[in-house]
Amino acid sequence: MTTSEEKKTAPELNAKQKKFLKGLGHDLTPVVAIGKEGLGEKIVKATALELSRHELIKIKVGKNSPVSCQETAESLSIGTGSSLVQIIGKTILLYKKNTQLEKDKRIRLP
């Protein structure tokens, strides 16, 4: 693999940070839904856009999705350079720090 093909990786979150983000994500509604079309470039772009707006997002994987929830979570995490916080059932929680947001809207990790 050449350097131009290397995976985008986000910094690993420690247990305390994941617990904090899970608490914040509990009341969120999913902003991206993955259906029978599966995981295409449009879904990755939509996920990246939502991460830039919110830093922490929920993604719902539908029953008709041809890709498993675990595969979807890993692919989206790599494709967007975000950190996988949690997978519960068919719901994925992703986090990506955005320093361009206003200071009062940023998530401050412990």
PDB file of N, CA and C in Angstrom:
ATOM      1  N   MET A   1       0.853  -1.181   0.000  1.00  0.00           N
ATOM      2  CA  MET A   1       0.000   0.000   0.000  1.00  0.00           C
ATOM      3  C   MET A   1       0.895   1.241   0.000  1.00  0.00           C
ATOM      4  N   THR A   2       0.664   2.143  -0.918  1.00  0.00           N
ATOM      5  CA  THR A   2       1.459   3.363  -0.965  1.00  0.00           C
ATOM      6  C   THR A   2       0.891   4.386   0.004  1.00  0.00           C
ATOM      7  N   THR A   3       1.665   5.439   0.243  1.00  0.00           N
ATOM      8  CA  THR A   3       1.221   6.437   1.217  1.00  0.00           C
ATOM      9  C   THR A   3      -0.052   7.138   0.772  1.00  0.00           C
ATOM     10  N   SER A   4      -0.284   7.278  -0.522  1.00  0.00           N
ATOM     11  CA  SER A   4      -1.508   7.930  -0.994  1.00  0.00           C
ATOM     12  C   SER A   4      -2.743   7.044  -0.806  1.00  0.00           C
ATOM     13  N   GLU A   5      -2.530   5.749  -0.618  1.00  0.00           N
ATOM     14  CA  GLU A   5      -3.649   4.829  -0.447  1.00  0.00           C
ATOM     15  C   GLU A   5      -3.892   4.463   1.007  1.00  0.00           C
ATOM     16  N   GLU A   6      -3.101   5.014   1.931  1.00  0.00           N
ATOM     17  CA  GLU A   6      -3.253   4.663   3.331  1.00  0.00           C
ATOM     18  C   GLU A   6      -4.615   5.093   3.849  1.00  0.00           C
ATOM     19  N   LYS A   7      -5.101   4.329   4.814  1.00  0.00           N
ATOM     20  CA  LYS A   7      -6.402   4.613   5.394  1.00  0.00           C
ATOM     21  C   LYS A   7      -6.339   5.890   6.218  1.00  0.00           C
ATOM     22  N   LYS A   8      -7.427   6.637   6.180  1.00  0.00           N
ATOM     23  CA  LYS A   8      -7.567   7.783   7.071  1.00  0.00           C
ATOM     24  C   LYS A   8      -7.843   7.224   8.452  1.00  0.00           C
ATOM     25  N   THR A   9      -7.098   7.672   9.437  1.00  0.00           N
ATOM     26  CA  THR A   9      -7.358   7.170  10.780  1.00  0.00           C
ATOM     27  C   THR A   9      -7.549   8.332  11.738  1.00  0.00           C
ATOM     28  N   ALA A  10      -8.496   8.167  12.607  1.00  0.00           N
ATOM     29  CA  ALA A  10      -8.754   9.150  13.651  1.00  0.00           C
ATOM     30  C   ALA A  10      -8.048   8.675  14.911  1.00  0.00           C
ATOM     31  N   PRO A  11      -7.751   9.584  15.802  1.00  0.00           N
ATOM     32  CA  PRO A  11      -7.114   9.154  17.046  1.00  0.00           C
ATOM     33  C   PRO A  11      -8.024   8.215  17.820  1.00  0.00           C
ATOM     34  N   GLU A  12      -7.426   7.225  18.438  1.00  0.00           N
ATOM     35  CA  GLU A  12      -8.195   6.278  19.241  1.00  0.00           C
ATOM     36  C   GLU A  12      -8.740   6.976  20.475  1.00  0.00           C
ATOM     37  N   LEU A  13      -9.950   6.629  20.829  1.00  0.00           N
ATOM     38  CA  LEU A  13     -10.567   7.179  22.027  1.00  0.00           C
ATOM     39  C   LEU A  13     -10.322   6.233  23.185  1.00  0.00           C
ATOM     40  N   ASN A  14     -10.048   6.793  24.365  1.00  0.00           N
ATOM     41  CA  ASN A  14      -9.894   5.928  25.529  1.00  0.00           C
ATOM     42  C   ASN A  14     -11.274   5.622  26.117  1.00  0.00           C
ATOM     43  N   ALA A  15     -11.322   4.750  27.111  1.00  0.00           N
ATOM     44  CA  ALA A  15     -12.599   4.290  27.678  1.00  0.00           C
ATOM     45  C   ALA A  15     -13.393   5.446  28.282  1.00  0.00           C
ATOM     46  N   LYS A  16     -12.716   6.370  28.935  1.00  0.00           N
ATOM     47  CA  LYS A  16     -13.402   7.507  29.559  1.00  0.00           C
ATOM     48  C   LYS A  16     -14.050   8.402  28.493  1.00  0.00           C
ATOM     49  N   GLN A  17     -13.343   8.632  27.404  1.00  0.00           N
ATOM     50  CA  GLN A  17     -13.870   9.465  26.319  1.00  0.00           C
ATOM     51  C   GLN A  17     -15.057   8.777  25.638  1.00  0.00           C
ATOM     52  N   LYS A  18     -14.953   7.469  25.417  1.00  0.00           N
ATOM     53  CA  LYS A  18     -16.060   6.738  24.798  1.00  0.00           C
ATOM     54  C   LYS A  18     -17.297   6.788  25.683  1.00  0.00           C
ATOM     55  N   LYS A  19     -17.113   6.606  26.976  1.00  0.00           N
ATOM     56  CA  LYS A  19     -18.239   6.649  27.905  1.00  0.00           C
ATOM     57  C   LYS A  19     -18.911   8.019  27.860  1.00  0.00           C
ATOM     58  N   PHE A  20     -18.113   9.080  27.831  1.00  0.00           N
ATOM     59  CA  PHE A  20     -18.622  10.445  27.753  1.00  0.00           C
ATOM     60  C   PHE A  20     -19.432  10.645  26.473  1.00  0.00           C
ATOM     61  N   LEU A  21     -18.884  10.193  25.331  1.00  0.00           N
ATOM     62  CA  LEU A  21     -19.554  10.352  24.041  1.00  0.00           C
ATOM     63  C   LEU A  21     -20.827   9.506  23.948  1.00  0.00           C
ATOM     64  N   LYS A  22     -20.812   8.320  24.539  1.00  0.00           N
ATOM     65  CA  LYS A  22     -22.018   7.480  24.560  1.00  0.00           C
ATOM     66  C   LYS A  22     -23.142   8.195  25.297  1.00  0.00           C
ATOM     67  N   GLY A  23     -22.799   8.874  26.382  1.00  0.00           N
ATOM     68  CA  GLY A  23     -23.796   9.642  27.131  1.00  0.00           C
ATOM     69  C   GLY A  23     -24.378  10.769  26.301  1.00  0.00           C
ATOM     70  N   LEU A  24     -23.516  11.470  25.568  1.00  0.00           N
ATOM     71  CA  LEU A  24     -23.990  12.556  24.703  1.00  0.00           C
ATOM     72  C   LEU A  24     -24.829  12.022  23.548  1.00  0.00           C
ATOM     73  N   GLY A  25     -24.469  10.858  23.047  1.00  0.00           N
ATOM     74  CA  GLY A  25     -25.142  10.300  21.881  1.00  0.00           C
ATOM     75  C   GLY A  25     -26.464   9.621  22.176  1.00  0.00           C
ATOM     76  N   HIS A  26     -26.737   9.375  23.440  1.00  0.00           N
ATOM     77  CA  HIS A  26     -27.940   8.634  23.816  1.00  0.00           C
ATOM     78  C   HIS A  26     -29.220   9.245  23.240  1.00  0.00           C
ATOM     79  N   ASP A  27     -29.382  10.548  23.340  1.00  0.00           N
ATOM     80  CA  ASP A  27     -30.617  11.209  22.914  1.00  0.00           C
ATOM     81  C   ASP A  27     -30.600  11.678  21.455  1.00  0.00           C
ATOM     82  N   LEU A  28     -29.508  11.437  20.742  1.00  0.00           N
ATOM     83  CA  LEU A  28     -29.437  11.856  19.342  1.00  0.00           C
ATOM     84  C   LEU A  28     -30.342  10.997  18.464  1.00  0.00           C
ATOM     85  N   THR A  29     -30.847  11.598  17.408  1.00  0.00           N
ATOM     86  CA  THR A  29     -31.591  10.832  16.412  1.00  0.00           C
ATOM     87  C   THR A  29     -30.647  10.575  15.233  1.00  0.00           C
ATOM     88  N   PRO A  30     -30.799   9.456  14.547  1.00  0.00           N
ATOM     89  CA  PRO A  30     -29.916   9.165  13.411  1.00  0.00           C
ATOM     90  C   PRO A  30     -30.052  10.217  12.309  1.00  0.00           C
ATOM     91  N   VAL A  31     -28.921  10.675  11.779  1.00  0.00           N
ATOM     92  CA  VAL A  31     -28.925  11.684  10.711  1.00  0.00           C
ATOM     93  C   VAL A  31     -28.572  11.074   9.363  1.00  0.00           C
ATOM     94  N   VAL A  32     -28.088   9.828   9.368  1.00  0.00           N
ATOM     95  CA  VAL A  32     -27.783   9.116   8.134  1.00  0.00           C
ATOM     96  C   VAL A  32     -28.451   7.745   8.230  1.00  0.00           C
ATOM     97  N   ALA A  33     -29.107   7.340   7.148  1.00  0.00           N
ATOM     98  CA  ALA A  33     -29.744   6.024   7.105  1.00  0.00           C
ATOM     99  C   ALA A  33     -29.183   5.240   5.928  1.00  0.00           C
ATOM    100  N   ILE A  34     -28.878   3.984   6.168  1.00  0.00           N
ATOM    101  CA  ILE A  34     -28.331   3.128   5.125  1.00  0.00           C
ATOM    102  C   ILE A  34     -29.367   2.053   4.813  1.00  0.00           C
ATOM    103  N   GLY A  35     -29.779   2.017   3.559  1.00  0.00           N
ATOM    104  CA  GLY A  35     -30.835   1.091   3.152  1.00  0.00           C
ATOM    105  C   GLY A  35     -30.355   0.025   2.204  1.00  0.00           C
ATOM    106  N   LYS A  36     -31.240  -0.377   1.301  1.00  0.00           N
ATOM    107  CA  LYS A  36     -30.947  -1.493   0.395  1.00  0.00           C
ATOM    108  C   LYS A  36     -29.854  -1.187  -0.620  1.00  0.00           C
ATOM    109  N   GLU A  37     -29.560   0.100  -0.832  1.00  0.00           N
ATOM    110  CA  GLU A  37     -28.485   0.460  -1.771  1.00  0.00           C
ATOM    111  C   GLU A  37     -27.118   0.144  -1.193  1.00  0.00           C
ATOM    112  N   GLY A  38     -27.048   0.017   0.129  1.00  0.00           N
ATOM    113  CA  GLY A  38     -25.781  -0.306   0.778  1.00  0.00           C
ATOM    114  C   GLY A  38     -24.924   0.917   1.010  1.00  0.00           C
ATOM    115  N   LEU A  39     -23.654   0.668   1.057  1.00  0.00           N
ATOM    116  CA  LEU A  39     -22.690   1.704   1.422  1.00  0.00           C
ATOM    117  C   LEU A  39     -21.995   2.225   0.172  1.00  0.00           C
ATOM    118  N   GLY A  40     -22.492   3.326  -0.365  1.00  0.00           N
ATOM    119  CA  GLY A  40     -21.901   3.909  -1.555  1.00  0.00           C
ATOM    120  C   GLY A  40     -21.166   5.199  -1.234  1.00  0.00           C
ATOM    121  N   GLU A  41     -20.618   5.790  -2.263  1.00  0.00           N
ATOM    122  CA  GLU A  41     -19.856   7.037  -2.099  1.00  0.00           C
ATOM    123  C   GLU A  41     -20.738   8.162  -1.565  1.00  0.00           C
ATOM    124  N   LYS A  42     -22.012   8.192  -1.973  1.00  0.00           N
ATOM    125  CA  LYS A  42     -22.926   9.231  -1.490  1.00  0.00           C
ATOM    126  C   LYS A  42     -23.123   9.140   0.019  1.00  0.00           C
ATOM    127  N   ILE A  43     -23.213   7.922   0.545  1.00  0.00           N
ATOM    128  CA  ILE A  43     -23.396   7.726   1.988  1.00  0.00           C
ATOM    129  C   ILE A  43     -22.149   8.205   2.740  1.00  0.00           C
ATOM    130  N   VAL A  44     -20.982   7.878   2.219  1.00  0.00           N
ATOM    131  CA  VAL A  44     -19.735   8.305   2.870  1.00  0.00           C
ATOM    132  C   VAL A  44     -19.642   9.832   2.881  1.00  0.00           C
ATOM    133  N   LYS A  45     -19.992  10.458   1.763  1.00  0.00           N
ATOM    134  CA  LYS A  45     -19.955  11.930   1.692  1.00  0.00           C
ATOM    135  C   LYS A  45     -20.975  12.558   2.635  1.00  0.00           C
ATOM    136  N   ALA A  46     -22.172  11.983   2.680  1.00  0.00           N
ATOM    137  CA  ALA A  46     -23.212  12.503   3.585  1.00  0.00           C
ATOM    138  C   ALA A  46     -22.776  12.367   5.039  1.00  0.00           C
ATOM    139  N   THR A  47     -22.147  11.250   5.359  1.00  0.00           N
ATOM    140  CA  THR A  47     -21.660  11.028   6.723  1.00  0.00           C
ATOM    141  C   THR A  47     -20.568  12.035   7.072  1.00  0.00           C
ATOM    142  N   ALA A  48     -19.642  12.263   6.151  1.00  0.00           N
ATOM    143  CA  ALA A  48     -18.565  13.231   6.384  1.00  0.00           C
ATOM    144  C   ALA A  48     -19.139  14.637   6.587  1.00  0.00           C
ATOM    145  N   LEU A  49     -20.145  14.989   5.799  1.00  0.00           N
ATOM    146  CA  LEU A  49     -20.780  16.303   5.927  1.00  0.00           C
ATOM    147  C   LEU A  49     -21.446  16.450   7.294  1.00  0.00           C
ATOM    148  N   GLU A  50     -22.191  15.452   7.713  1.00  0.00           N
ATOM    149  CA  GLU A  50     -22.856  15.516   9.017  1.00  0.00           C
ATOM    150  C   GLU A  50     -21.848  15.556  10.164  1.00  0.00           C
ATOM    151  N   LEU A  51     -20.739  14.827  10.023  1.00  0.00           N
ATOM    152  CA  LEU A  51     -19.694  14.869  11.054  1.00  0.00           C
ATOM    153  C   LEU A  51     -19.078  16.263  11.159  1.00  0.00           C
ATOM    154  N   SER A  52     -18.931  16.930  10.027  1.00  0.00           N
ATOM    155  CA  SER A  52     -18.362  18.281  10.062  1.00  0.00           C
ATOM    156  C   SER A  52     -19.331  19.265  10.712  1.00  0.00           C
ATOM    157  N   ARG A  53     -20.613  18.993  10.627  1.00  0.00           N
ATOM    158  CA  ARG A  53     -21.622  19.868  11.236  1.00  0.00           C
ATOM    159  C   ARG A  53     -21.816  19.601  12.721  1.00  0.00           C
ATOM    160  N   HIS A  54     -21.738  18.318  13.121  1.00  0.00           N
ATOM    161  CA  HIS A  54     -22.141  17.954  14.479  1.00  0.00           C
ATOM    162  C   HIS A  54     -21.068  17.302  15.344  1.00  0.00           C
ATOM    163  N   GLU A  55     -19.986  16.820  14.782  1.00  0.00           N
ATOM    164  CA  GLU A  55     -18.919  16.073  15.470  1.00  0.00           C
ATOM    165  C   GLU A  55     -19.346  14.683  15.937  1.00  0.00           C
ATOM    166  N   LEU A  56     -20.535  14.538  16.508  1.00  0.00           N
ATOM    167  CA  LEU A  56     -21.018  13.246  17.002  1.00  0.00           C
ATOM    168  C   LEU A  56     -22.352  12.948  16.325  1.00  0.00           C
ATOM    169  N   ILE A  57     -22.420  11.815  15.612  1.00  0.00           N
ATOM    170  CA  ILE A  57     -23.652  11.486  14.893  1.00  0.00           C
ATOM    171  C   ILE A  57     -24.027  10.019  15.066  1.00  0.00           C
ATOM    172  N   LYS A  58     -25.323   9.766  14.883  1.00  0.00           N
ATOM    173  CA  LYS A  58     -25.842   8.401  14.861  1.00  0.00           C
ATOM    174  C   LYS A  58     -26.183   8.049  13.421  1.00  0.00           C
ATOM    175  N   ILE A  59     -25.931   6.788  13.082  1.00  0.00           N
ATOM    176  CA  ILE A  59     -26.242   6.268  11.763  1.00  0.00           C
ATOM    177  C   ILE A  59     -27.082   5.013  11.955  1.00  0.00           C
ATOM    178  N   LYS A  60     -28.161   4.907  11.200  1.00  0.00           N
ATOM    179  CA  LYS A  60     -29.054   3.743  11.293  1.00  0.00           C
ATOM    180  C   LYS A  60     -28.856   2.864  10.069  1.00  0.00           C
ATOM    181  N   VAL A  61     -28.585   1.593  10.304  1.00  0.00           N
ATOM    182  CA  VAL A  61     -28.446   0.625   9.216  1.00  0.00           C
ATOM    183  C   VAL A  61     -29.760  -0.132   9.112  1.00  0.00           C
ATOM    184  N   GLY A  62     -30.407  -0.040   7.959  1.00  0.00           N
ATOM    185  CA  GLY A  62     -31.706  -0.668   7.759  1.00  0.00           C
ATOM    186  C   GLY A  62     -31.638  -2.189   7.650  1.00  0.00           C
ATOM    187  N   LYS A  63     -32.771  -2.822   7.796  1.00  0.00           N
ATOM    188  CA  LYS A  63     -32.855  -4.287   7.710  1.00  0.00           C
ATOM    189  C   LYS A  63     -32.488  -4.790   6.322  1.00  0.00           C
ATOM    190  N   ASN A  64     -32.741  -3.980   5.299  1.00  0.00           N
ATOM    191  CA  ASN A  64     -32.493  -4.389   3.913  1.00  0.00           C
ATOM    192  C   ASN A  64     -31.066  -4.139   3.449  1.00  0.00           C
ATOM    193  N   SER A  65     -30.219  -3.592   4.302  1.00  0.00           N
ATOM    194  CA  SER A  65     -28.856  -3.273   3.902  1.00  0.00           C
ATOM    195  C   SER A  65     -28.072  -4.549   3.598  1.00  0.00           C
ATOM    196  N   PRO A  66     -27.386  -4.580   2.428  1.00  0.00           N
ATOM    197  CA  PRO A  66     -26.620  -5.777   2.074  1.00  0.00           C
ATOM    198  C   PRO A  66     -25.314  -5.906   2.866  1.00  0.00           C
ATOM    199  N   VAL A  67     -24.917  -4.851   3.560  1.00  0.00           N
ATOM    200  CA  VAL A  67     -23.662  -4.851   4.309  1.00  0.00           C
ATOM    201  C   VAL A  67     -23.987  -4.942   5.800  1.00  0.00           C
ATOM    202  N   SER A  68     -23.199  -5.718   6.534  1.00  0.00           N
ATOM    203  CA  SER A  68     -23.446  -5.865   7.971  1.00  0.00           C
ATOM    204  C   SER A  68     -23.163  -4.550   8.690  1.00  0.00           C
ATOM    205  N   CYS A  69     -23.719  -4.424   9.863  1.00  0.00           N
ATOM    206  CA  CYS A  69     -23.546  -3.211  10.652  1.00  0.00           C
ATOM    207  C   CYS A  69     -22.072  -2.997  11.007  1.00  0.00           C
ATOM    208  N   GLN A  70     -21.373  -4.077  11.361  1.00  0.00           N
ATOM    209  CA  GLN A  70     -19.952  -3.990  11.721  1.00  0.00           C
ATOM    210  C   GLN A  70     -19.121  -3.517  10.529  1.00  0.00           C
ATOM    211  N   GLU A  71     -19.351  -4.099   9.357  1.00  0.00           N
ATOM    212  CA  GLU A  71     -18.625  -3.702   8.147  1.00  0.00           C
ATOM    213  C   GLU A  71     -18.915  -2.240   7.799  1.00  0.00           C
ATOM    214  N   THR A  72     -20.177  -1.849   7.924  1.00  0.00           N
ATOM    215  CA  THR A  72     -20.579  -0.474   7.635  1.00  0.00           C
ATOM    216  C   THR A  72     -19.865   0.487   8.565  1.00  0.00           C
ATOM    217  N   ALA A  73     -19.838   0.171   9.856  1.00  0.00           N
ATOM    218  CA  ALA A  73     -19.189   1.037  10.844  1.00  0.00           C
ATOM    219  C   ALA A  73     -17.706   1.200  10.542  1.00  0.00           C
ATOM    220  N   GLU A  74     -17.038   0.105  10.240  1.00  0.00           N
ATOM    221  CA  GLU A  74     -15.603   0.168   9.941  1.00  0.00           C
ATOM    222  C   GLU A  74     -15.343   0.966   8.665  1.00  0.00           C
ATOM    223  N   SER A  75     -16.140   0.714   7.624  1.00  0.00           N
ATOM    224  CA  SER A  75     -15.957   1.420   6.352  1.00  0.00           C
ATOM    225  C   SER A  75     -16.204   2.917   6.500  1.00  0.00           C
ATOM    226  N   LEU A  76     -17.269   3.288   7.207  1.00  0.00           N
ATOM    227  CA  LEU A  76     -17.568   4.715   7.398  1.00  0.00           C
ATOM    228  C   LEU A  76     -16.508   5.389   8.260  1.00  0.00           C
ATOM    229  N   SER A  77     -16.046   4.692   9.269  1.00  0.00           N
ATOM    230  CA  SER A  77     -15.013   5.247  10.140  1.00  0.00           C
ATOM    231  C   SER A  77     -13.736   5.536   9.340  1.00  0.00           C
ATOM    232  N   ILE A  78     -13.341   4.587   8.525  1.00  0.00           N
ATOM    233  CA  ILE A  78     -12.142   4.755   7.696  1.00  0.00           C
ATOM    234  C   ILE A  78     -12.373   5.807   6.619  1.00  0.00           C
ATOM    235  N   GLY A  79     -13.510   5.735   5.945  1.00  0.00           N
ATOM    236  CA  GLY A  79     -13.813   6.645   4.838  1.00  0.00           C
ATOM    237  C   GLY A  79     -13.947   8.099   5.248  1.00  0.00           C
ATOM    238  N   THR A  80     -14.349   8.333   6.503  1.00  0.00           N
ATOM    239  CA  THR A  80     -14.533   9.710   6.966  1.00  0.00           C
ATOM    240  C   THR A  80     -13.428  10.169   7.915  1.00  0.00           C
ATOM    241  N   GLY A  81     -12.553   9.259   8.303  1.00  0.00           N
ATOM    242  CA  GLY A  81     -11.490   9.609   9.247  1.00  0.00           C
ATOM    243  C   GLY A  81     -12.024   9.858  10.648  1.00  0.00           C
ATOM    244  N   SER A  82     -13.115   9.185  10.986  1.00  0.00           N
ATOM    245  CA  SER A  82     -13.748   9.395  12.293  1.00  0.00           C
ATOM    246  C   SER A  82     -13.469   8.213  13.220  1.00  0.00           C
ATOM    247  N   SER A  83     -13.819   8.397  14.476  1.00  0.00           N
ATOM    248  CA  SER A  83     -13.650   7.353  15.482  1.00  0.00           C
ATOM    249  C   SER A  83     -14.970   6.648  15.722  1.00  0.00           C
ATOM    250  N   LEU A  84     -14.929   5.338  15.738  1.00  0.00           N
ATOM    251  CA  LEU A  84     -16.108   4.539  16.055  1.00  0.00           C
ATOM    252  C   LEU A  84     -16.262   4.513  17.567  1.00  0.00           C
ATOM    253  N   VAL A  85     -17.375   5.060  18.038  1.00  0.00           N
ATOM    254  CA  VAL A  85     -17.628   5.129  19.472  1.00  0.00           C
ATOM    255  C   VAL A  85     -18.364   3.885  19.931  1.00  0.00           C
ATOM    256  N   GLN A  86     -19.421   3.500  19.185  1.00  0.00           N
ATOM    257  CA  GLN A  86     -20.288   2.428  19.663  1.00  0.00           C
ATOM    258  C   GLN A  86     -21.135   1.864  18.531  1.00  0.00           C
ATOM    259  N   ILE A  87     -21.458   0.576  18.659  1.00  0.00           N
ATOM    260  CA  ILE A  87     -22.448  -0.060  17.793  1.00  0.00           C
ATOM    261  C   ILE A  87     -23.445  -0.738  18.725  1.00  0.00           C
ATOM    262  N   ILE A  88     -24.699  -0.354  18.596  1.00  0.00           N
ATOM    263  CA  ILE A  88     -25.768  -1.013  19.351  1.00  0.00           C
ATOM    264  C   ILE A  88     -26.806  -1.467  18.346  1.00  0.00           C
ATOM    265  N   GLY A  89     -26.961  -2.763  18.214  1.00  0.00           N
ATOM    266  CA  GLY A  89     -27.916  -3.297  17.246  1.00  0.00           C
ATOM    267  C   GLY A  89     -27.571  -2.837  15.846  1.00  0.00           C
ATOM    268  N   LYS A  90     -28.456  -2.052  15.256  1.00  0.00           N
ATOM    269  CA  LYS A  90     -28.251  -1.531  13.902  1.00  0.00           C
ATOM    270  C   LYS A  90     -27.933  -0.031  13.910  1.00  0.00           C
ATOM    271  N   THR A  91     -27.486   0.479  15.056  1.00  0.00           N
ATOM    272  CA  THR A  91     -27.176   1.904  15.196  1.00  0.00           C
ATOM    273  C   THR A  91     -25.690   2.085  15.484  1.00  0.00           C
ATOM    274  N   ILE A  92     -25.089   3.009  14.740  1.00  0.00           N
ATOM    275  CA  ILE A  92     -23.659   3.288  14.856  1.00  0.00           C
ATOM    276  C   ILE A  92     -23.490   4.709  15.385  1.00  0.00           C
ATOM    277  N   LEU A  93     -22.534   4.899  16.268  1.00  0.00           N
ATOM    278  CA  LEU A  93     -22.213   6.227  16.797  1.00  0.00           C
ATOM    279  C   LEU A  93     -20.780   6.562  16.398  1.00  0.00           C
ATOM    280  N   LEU A  94     -20.613   7.653  15.629  1.00  0.00           N
ATOM    281  CA  LEU A  94     -19.290   8.092  15.167  1.00  0.00           C
ATOM    282  C   LEU A  94     -18.961   9.477  15.699  1.00  0.00           C
ATOM    283  N   TYR A  95     -17.665   9.714  15.922  1.00  0.00           N
ATOM    284  CA  TYR A  95     -17.198  11.020  16.403  1.00  0.00           C
ATOM    285  C   TYR A  95     -16.001  11.463  15.571  1.00  0.00           C
ATOM    286  N   LYS A  96     -15.991  12.748  15.222  1.00  0.00           N
ATOM    287  CA  LYS A  96     -14.837  13.340  14.550  1.00  0.00           C
ATOM    288  C   LYS A  96     -14.718  14.784  15.015  1.00  0.00           C
ATOM    289  N   LYS A  97     -13.586  15.101  15.588  1.00  0.00           N
ATOM    290  CA  LYS A  97     -13.339  16.453  16.090  1.00  0.00           C
ATOM    291  C   LYS A  97     -13.320  17.439  14.929  1.00  0.00           C
ATOM    292  N   ASN A  98     -13.948  18.608  15.140  1.00  0.00           N
ATOM    293  CA  ASN A  98     -13.963  19.658  14.128  1.00  0.00           C
ATOM    294  C   ASN A  98     -13.560  20.966  14.789  1.00  0.00           C
ATOM    295  N   THR A  99     -12.343  21.402  14.539  1.00  0.00           N
ATOM    296  CA  THR A  99     -11.840  22.638  15.148  1.00  0.00           C
ATOM    297  C   THR A  99     -12.406  23.885  14.483  1.00  0.00           C
ATOM    298  N   GLN A 100     -13.149  23.714  13.386  1.00  0.00           N
ATOM    299  CA  GLN A 100     -13.715  24.860  12.683  1.00  0.00           C
ATOM    300  C   GLN A 100     -15.069  25.290  13.246  1.00  0.00           C
ATOM    301  N   LEU A 101     -15.651  24.454  14.090  1.00  0.00           N
ATOM    302  CA  LEU A 101     -16.909  24.834  14.732  1.00  0.00           C
ATOM    303  C   LEU A 101     -16.653  25.926  15.763  1.00  0.00           C
ATOM    304  N   GLU A 102     -17.704  26.685  16.072  1.00  0.00           N
ATOM    305  CA  GLU A 102     -17.581  27.686  17.126  1.00  0.00           C
ATOM    306  C   GLU A 102     -17.224  26.984  18.426  1.00  0.00           C
ATOM    307  N   LYS A 103     -16.445  27.667  19.272  1.00  0.00           N
ATOM    308  CA  LYS A 103     -15.966  27.018  20.504  1.00  0.00           C
ATOM    309  C   LYS A 103     -17.082  26.496  21.387  1.00  0.00           C
ATOM    310  N   ASP A 104     -18.184  27.232  21.477  1.00  0.00           N
ATOM    311  CA  ASP A 104     -19.272  26.797  22.354  1.00  0.00           C
ATOM    312  C   ASP A 104     -20.064  25.613  21.772  1.00  0.00           C
ATOM    313  N   LYS A 105     -19.855  25.275  20.493  1.00  0.00           N
ATOM    314  CA  LYS A 105     -20.562  24.147  19.884  1.00  0.00           C
ATOM    315  C   LYS A 105     -19.697  22.904  19.794  1.00  0.00           C
ATOM    316  N   ARG A 106     -18.412  23.016  20.112  1.00  0.00           N
ATOM    317  CA  ARG A 106     -17.511  21.859  20.054  1.00  0.00           C
ATOM    318  C   ARG A 106     -17.707  20.945  21.252  1.00  0.00           C
ATOM    319  N   ILE A 107     -17.443  19.687  21.029  1.00  0.00           N
ATOM    320  CA  ILE A 107     -17.474  18.719  22.127  1.00  0.00           C
ATOM    321  C   ILE A 107     -16.092  18.715  22.781  1.00  0.00           C
ATOM    322  N   ARG A 108     -16.075  18.895  24.090  1.00  0.00           N
ATOM    323  CA  ARG A 108     -14.810  18.883  24.825  1.00  0.00           C
ATOM    324  C   ARG A 108     -14.667  17.530  25.519  1.00  0.00           C
ATOM    325  N   LEU A 109     -13.745  16.727  25.004  1.00  0.00           N
ATOM    326  CA  LEU A 109     -13.535  15.398  25.578  1.00  0.00           C
ATOM    327  C   LEU A 109     -12.809  15.481  26.915  1.00  0.00           C
ATOM    328  N   PRO A 110     -13.130  14.573  27.834  1.00  0.00           N
ATOM    329  CA  PRO A 110     -12.425  14.555  29.128  1.00  0.00           C
ATOM    330  C   PRO A 110     -10.996  14.066  28.981  1.00  0.00           C
TER     331      PRO A 110
END
